[in-house]
Amino acid sequence: MSAPERIPPRSVTTAELLARGELKVRGRIREASNAVLYCSVSYEGREAFCVYKPIAGERPLWDFPDGTLAQREVAAYEVSEATGWGLVPTTVLRDGPYGEGMCQMWIEPSATEDGDGLLALVPGEEPAEGWKAVGFAEVGEGETALLVHADDTRLRRLAVLDAVINNADRKGGHLLPAQEGRLYGIDHGVTFNAENKLRTLLWGWAGEPLTDEAVEVLASLRDALAPGAPLATRLAELVTDAEIEATRARVEAMLTSGKHPEPSGDWPAIPWPPV
């Protein structure tokens, strides 16, 4: 008689781990404006660290409905996944020790790269080769310096994603260089507003032609956001119909112009503080 076939253990996906795993709070990230808890999560033999942001810990904002930031973080992840660029760590909405909230995979920073290599304040009026100018910043009494960011493919992709999701708070501290050359963006609670609120440090490509890759991704997003399409259906669980329609309009506007958007002038273009 032959031995019974051994079925290998099922591999737990990151999304399953975050959504179904047991959360244990290990500490709090105090510099955050809302409640951000550092947690461990375990499920069916797999363990990891994550960030848990309970809705109960969100501070009210004048321009976003109360209790919606966690859902917007998940929506940003869903759009990021639809681009194929994987710019946002795996993010789910789930119940936790302090009620429903956003749970996101913790990203260990790269040992060889940090955010200081992506943004800089430099003297002069023109950026050096390999850098893009954002604008001038006050650095002391009567002194200014040029704010620049790296002319980096990863940042350029993130600039496109931010324009799609209408990110109102792309700060330097929200850029996480990770292992194997990956770059992630985090903190997407103030996104998807129906009004134009794009505030970012990644204006270096403003008005420049989109890359062929970006045009291809935006065309794919246009299809994915069509009424009844899977991404549109998923976003309808997280943000309002008006906000989804505004997202469609932003994608269409970029495809029509073929360019990165420029500051509107109706809203501060740079977040404060910028880091």
Protein backbone atom coordinates (compact mmCIF):
# COMPACT_ATOMS: atom_id res chain seq x y z
CA MET A 1 0.00 0.00 0.00
CA SER A 2 1.38 3.37 -0.95
CA ALA A 3 1.78 6.10 1.64
CA PRO A 4 -1.00 8.70 1.69
CA GLU A 5 -0.22 11.87 -0.22
CA ARG A 6 1.01 14.68 1.98
CA ILE A 7 -0.71 17.95 1.32
CA PRO A 8 1.67 20.84 1.95
CA PRO A 9 0.46 23.47 4.39
CA ARG A 10 -1.45 26.30 2.77
CA SER A 11 0.52 29.49 2.33
CA VAL A 12 -1.08 32.39 4.21
CA THR A 13 -1.16 35.56 2.12
CA THR A 14 -0.19 38.89 3.62
CA ALA A 15 -3.75 40.16 3.21
CA GLU A 16 -5.12 37.12 5.08
CA LEU A 17 -2.55 37.54 7.83
CA LEU A 18 -3.51 41.18 8.37
CA ALA A 19 -7.26 40.63 8.08
CA ARG A 20 -7.62 37.46 10.17
CA GLY A 21 -4.57 37.34 12.40
CA GLU A 22 -4.47 38.00 16.13
CA LEU A 23 -3.37 41.58 16.77
CA LYS A 24 -1.25 42.40 19.80
CA VAL A 25 -0.38 46.03 20.48
CA ARG A 26 3.35 46.47 21.14
CA GLY A 27 3.59 50.26 21.26
CA ARG A 28 2.39 53.58 19.93
CA ILE A 29 3.99 55.84 17.32
CA ARG A 30 3.56 59.11 19.22
CA GLU A 31 4.67 61.60 16.57
CA ALA A 32 1.67 60.71 14.39
CA SER A 33 -1.29 63.13 14.36
CA ASN A 34 -3.79 60.27 14.74
CA ALA A 35 -3.59 57.12 16.87
CA VAL A 36 -1.03 54.80 15.25
CA LEU A 37 -0.28 51.53 17.04
CA TYR A 38 2.65 49.22 16.35
CA CYS A 39 1.42 45.64 16.53
CA SER A 40 2.36 42.04 15.97
CA VAL A 41 -0.04 39.84 14.02
CA SER A 42 -0.12 36.03 13.82
CA TYR A 43 -2.25 33.60 11.84
CA GLU A 44 -1.85 29.89 11.04
CA GLY A 45 1.86 29.84 11.83
CA ARG A 46 2.78 33.08 10.09
CA GLU A 47 3.78 36.17 12.09
CA ALA A 48 4.69 39.74 11.18
CA PHE A 49 4.57 43.30 12.44
CA CYS A 50 2.03 45.85 11.30
CA VAL A 51 0.53 49.27 11.91
CA TYR A 52 -3.03 49.51 13.24
CA LYS A 53 -4.90 52.82 13.08
CA PRO A 54 -8.27 52.56 14.82
CA ILE A 55 -11.01 54.80 13.49
CA ALA A 56 -11.72 55.80 17.10
CA GLY A 57 -8.29 57.44 17.20
CA GLU A 58 -8.81 59.68 14.16
CA ARG A 59 -8.90 63.42 14.78
CA PRO A 60 -11.73 65.29 13.03
CA LEU A 61 -10.79 67.29 9.91
CA TRP A 62 -12.74 70.21 8.49
CA ASP A 63 -12.53 68.97 4.88
CA PHE A 64 -12.98 65.19 5.27
CA PRO A 65 -15.95 63.35 6.82
CA ASP A 66 -15.28 62.04 10.32
CA GLY A 67 -14.33 58.40 10.64
CA THR A 68 -13.32 57.83 7.01
CA LEU A 69 -9.51 58.00 7.00
CA ALA A 70 -8.97 54.26 7.49
CA GLN A 71 -11.20 53.48 4.51
CA ARG A 72 -9.25 55.95 2.37
CA GLU A 73 -5.99 54.25 3.31
CA VAL A 74 -7.40 50.94 2.08
CA ALA A 75 -8.72 52.57 -1.09
CA ALA A 76 -5.24 53.96 -1.83
CA TYR A 77 -3.81 50.46 -1.48
CA GLU A 78 -6.44 49.05 -3.85
CA VAL A 79 -5.61 51.63 -6.52
CA SER A 80 -1.89 51.07 -6.01
CA GLU A 81 -2.39 47.35 -6.59
CA ALA A 82 -4.40 48.06 -9.73
CA THR A 83 -1.45 50.00 -11.18
CA GLY A 84 0.82 46.99 -10.77
CA TRP A 85 3.46 49.20 -9.17
CA GLY A 86 2.93 47.99 -5.60
CA LEU A 87 3.66 51.38 -4.06
CA VAL A 88 1.54 51.00 -0.91
CA PRO A 89 2.11 48.25 1.68
CA THR A 90 -0.66 45.67 1.99
CA THR A 91 -3.54 47.38 3.79
CA VAL A 92 -6.87 46.02 5.07
CA LEU A 93 -9.85 47.21 7.08
CA ARG A 94 -10.55 45.05 10.12
CA ASP A 95 -11.67 44.94 13.71
CA GLY A 96 -8.96 45.26 16.35
CA PRO A 97 -8.34 45.85 20.07
CA TYR A 98 -9.78 49.39 19.79
CA GLY A 99 -12.44 48.76 17.21
CA GLU A 100 -12.46 48.86 13.43
CA GLY A 101 -9.46 50.42 11.76
CA MET A 102 -6.79 50.23 9.11
CA CYS A 103 -4.13 47.53 9.41
CA GLN A 104 -1.01 47.84 7.22
CA MET A 105 2.09 45.69 6.88
CA TRP A 106 5.10 47.15 8.67
CA ILE A 107 7.94 47.98 6.27
CA GLU A 108 11.50 47.52 7.43
CA PRO A 109 13.67 50.32 6.05
CA SER A 110 16.51 49.56 3.70
CA ALA A 111 19.93 49.26 5.33
CA THR A 112 21.56 50.96 2.33
CA GLU A 113 19.11 53.75 1.44
CA ASP A 114 17.05 56.29 3.34
CA GLY A 115 14.70 59.13 2.53
CA ASP A 116 17.53 61.65 2.73
CA GLY A 117 18.69 60.38 -0.65
CA LEU A 118 15.36 61.30 -2.23
CA LEU A 119 14.83 64.88 -0.99
CA ALA A 120 17.27 67.71 -0.30
CA LEU A 121 17.67 71.43 0.26
CA VAL A 122 20.48 72.81 -1.90
CA PRO A 123 21.99 76.25 -2.59
CA GLY A 124 21.54 77.94 -5.95
CA GLU A 125 18.64 78.29 -8.32
CA GLU A 126 18.98 75.16 -10.47
CA PRO A 127 19.03 71.50 -9.45
CA ALA A 128 22.05 69.34 -10.15
CA GLU A 129 21.87 66.54 -12.68
CA GLY A 130 19.64 63.73 -11.44
CA TRP A 131 17.45 66.06 -9.36
CA LYS A 132 14.19 67.91 -9.97
CA ALA A 133 13.30 71.30 -8.51
CA VAL A 134 10.19 71.71 -6.37
CA GLY A 135 10.57 75.32 -5.20
CA PHE A 136 12.34 77.61 -2.78
CA ALA A 137 12.11 77.19 0.97
CA GLU A 138 13.05 79.53 3.81
CA VAL A 139 15.92 78.07 5.83
CA GLY A 140 16.75 81.04 8.02
CA GLU A 141 16.38 84.79 8.36
CA GLY A 142 16.42 86.11 4.83
CA GLU A 143 17.90 82.87 3.51
CA THR A 144 16.35 80.41 1.07
CA ALA A 145 17.37 77.11 -0.42
CA LEU A 146 16.08 75.11 -3.36
CA LEU A 147 13.96 72.12 -2.44
CA VAL A 148 14.68 69.22 -4.80
CA HIS A 149 13.78 65.58 -5.13
CA ALA A 150 15.57 62.80 -6.98
CA ASP A 151 14.71 62.18 -10.62
CA ASP A 152 13.82 58.65 -9.63
CA THR A 153 11.48 56.28 -11.49
CA ARG A 154 9.96 55.09 -8.21
CA LEU A 155 9.14 58.65 -7.13
CA ARG A 156 7.71 59.43 -10.55
CA ARG A 157 5.34 56.49 -10.30
CA LEU A 158 4.32 57.67 -6.84
CA ALA A 159 3.67 61.16 -8.22
CA VAL A 160 1.25 59.62 -10.74
CA LEU A 161 -0.48 57.56 -8.04
CA ASP A 162 -0.81 60.63 -5.81
CA ALA A 163 -2.41 62.58 -8.65
CA VAL A 164 -4.93 59.77 -9.21
CA ILE A 165 -5.91 59.43 -5.54
CA ASN A 166 -5.71 63.21 -4.91
CA ASN A 167 -3.23 62.88 -2.05
CA ALA A 168 -3.42 65.97 0.16
CA ASP A 169 -0.37 65.10 2.25
CA ARG A 170 2.65 63.62 0.45
CA LYS A 171 5.42 64.51 2.90
CA GLY A 172 9.04 63.41 2.93
CA GLY A 173 8.44 61.26 6.00
CA HIS A 174 5.85 59.28 4.05
CA LEU A 175 8.49 57.85 1.69
CA LEU A 176 9.91 54.50 2.82
CA PRO A 177 12.86 53.02 0.90
CA ALA A 178 12.75 49.29 1.61
CA GLN A 179 14.60 46.09 0.84
CA GLU A 180 15.61 45.16 -2.72
CA GLY A 181 15.29 48.72 -4.00
CA ARG A 182 11.56 49.00 -3.28
CA LEU A 183 9.99 52.32 -2.37
CA TYR A 184 6.68 52.57 -0.53
CA GLY A 185 4.38 55.48 0.22
CA ILE A 186 2.42 55.49 3.48
CA ASP A 187 -0.17 57.65 5.28
CA HIS A 188 -2.98 57.95 2.73
CA GLY A 189 -5.82 58.97 5.03
CA VAL A 190 -6.43 62.33 3.33
CA THR A 191 -7.05 61.12 -0.21
CA PHE A 192 -9.92 60.78 -2.69
CA ASN A 193 -11.54 64.11 -1.88
CA ALA A 194 -13.87 65.17 -4.68
CA GLU A 195 -12.23 68.62 -4.69
CA ASN A 196 -8.69 69.12 -5.97
CA LYS A 197 -6.44 68.95 -2.89
CA LEU A 198 -3.17 67.58 -4.27
CA ARG A 199 -0.35 68.62 -1.93
CA THR A 200 3.01 67.00 -2.45
CA LEU A 201 6.76 67.37 -2.45
CA LEU A 202 6.89 65.58 -5.81
CA TRP A 203 6.14 68.51 -8.13
CA GLY A 204 9.40 68.14 -10.06
CA TRP A 205 7.65 66.66 -13.11
CA ALA A 206 4.72 69.11 -13.09
CA GLY A 207 3.71 69.92 -16.66
CA GLU A 208 6.11 67.38 -18.16
CA PRO A 209 4.91 64.59 -20.48
CA LEU A 210 3.91 61.37 -18.80
CA THR A 211 6.07 58.34 -19.47
CA ASP A 212 4.73 55.68 -21.86
CA GLU A 213 4.50 53.37 -18.84
CA ALA A 214 2.35 55.88 -16.94
CA VAL A 215 0.01 56.35 -19.91
CA GLU A 216 -0.43 52.59 -20.18
CA VAL A 217 -1.16 52.29 -16.45
CA LEU A 218 -3.64 55.19 -16.52
CA ALA A 219 -5.47 53.64 -19.49
CA SER A 220 -5.73 50.39 -17.52
CA LEU A 221 -7.01 52.31 -14.48
CA ARG A 222 -9.65 54.00 -16.62
CA ASP A 223 -11.03 50.56 -17.51
CA ALA A 224 -10.74 49.31 -13.92
CA LEU A 225 -12.69 52.34 -12.66
CA ALA A 226 -15.57 51.93 -15.11
CA PRO A 227 -18.95 51.44 -13.40
CA GLY A 228 -19.32 47.78 -12.44
CA ALA A 229 -15.63 46.95 -12.89
CA PRO A 230 -13.96 45.19 -9.93
CA LEU A 231 -11.89 48.17 -8.75
CA ALA A 232 -14.85 50.54 -8.94
CA THR A 233 -16.99 48.05 -7.04
CA ARG A 234 -14.34 47.70 -4.33
CA LEU A 235 -13.86 51.47 -4.00
CA ALA A 236 -17.63 51.90 -3.61
CA GLU A 237 -17.26 50.05 -0.28
CA LEU A 238 -14.69 52.60 0.91
CA VAL A 239 -15.38 56.07 -0.52
CA THR A 240 -18.38 57.93 -1.92
CA ASP A 241 -19.79 57.79 -5.45
CA ALA A 242 -18.81 61.43 -5.96
CA GLU A 243 -15.24 60.65 -4.94
CA ILE A 244 -15.05 57.71 -7.35
CA GLU A 245 -16.37 59.90 -10.16
CA ALA A 246 -13.76 62.54 -9.32
CA THR A 247 -11.07 59.84 -9.46
CA ARG A 248 -12.26 58.84 -12.92
CA ALA A 249 -12.11 62.49 -13.97
CA ARG A 250 -8.52 62.87 -12.73
CA VAL A 251 -7.41 59.80 -14.65
CA GLU A 252 -9.16 61.05 -17.80
CA ALA A 253 -7.65 64.52 -17.44
CA MET A 254 -4.12 63.11 -17.30
CA LEU A 255 -4.73 60.87 -20.28
CA THR A 256 -6.16 63.80 -22.24
CA SER A 257 -3.30 66.16 -21.42
CA GLY A 258 -0.60 63.51 -21.53
CA LYS A 259 1.20 65.42 -18.77
CA HIS A 260 1.78 65.39 -15.05
CA PRO A 261 -0.64 67.80 -13.35
CA GLU A 262 0.48 71.22 -12.15
CA PRO A 263 -0.51 73.03 -8.93
CA SER A 264 -4.01 74.45 -9.26
CA GLY A 265 -3.37 77.62 -7.27
CA ASP A 266 -6.61 77.02 -5.36
CA TRP A 267 -4.96 74.99 -2.62
CA PRO A 268 -1.49 75.08 -0.97
CA ALA A 269 0.72 72.93 -3.21
CA ILE A 270 3.25 71.90 -0.54
CA PRO A 271 2.21 70.07 2.66
CA TRP A 272 3.15 71.56 6.02
CA PRO A 273 5.28 70.53 7.71
CA PRO A 274 6.98 69.05 4.62
CA VAL A 275 8.63 66.16 6.47
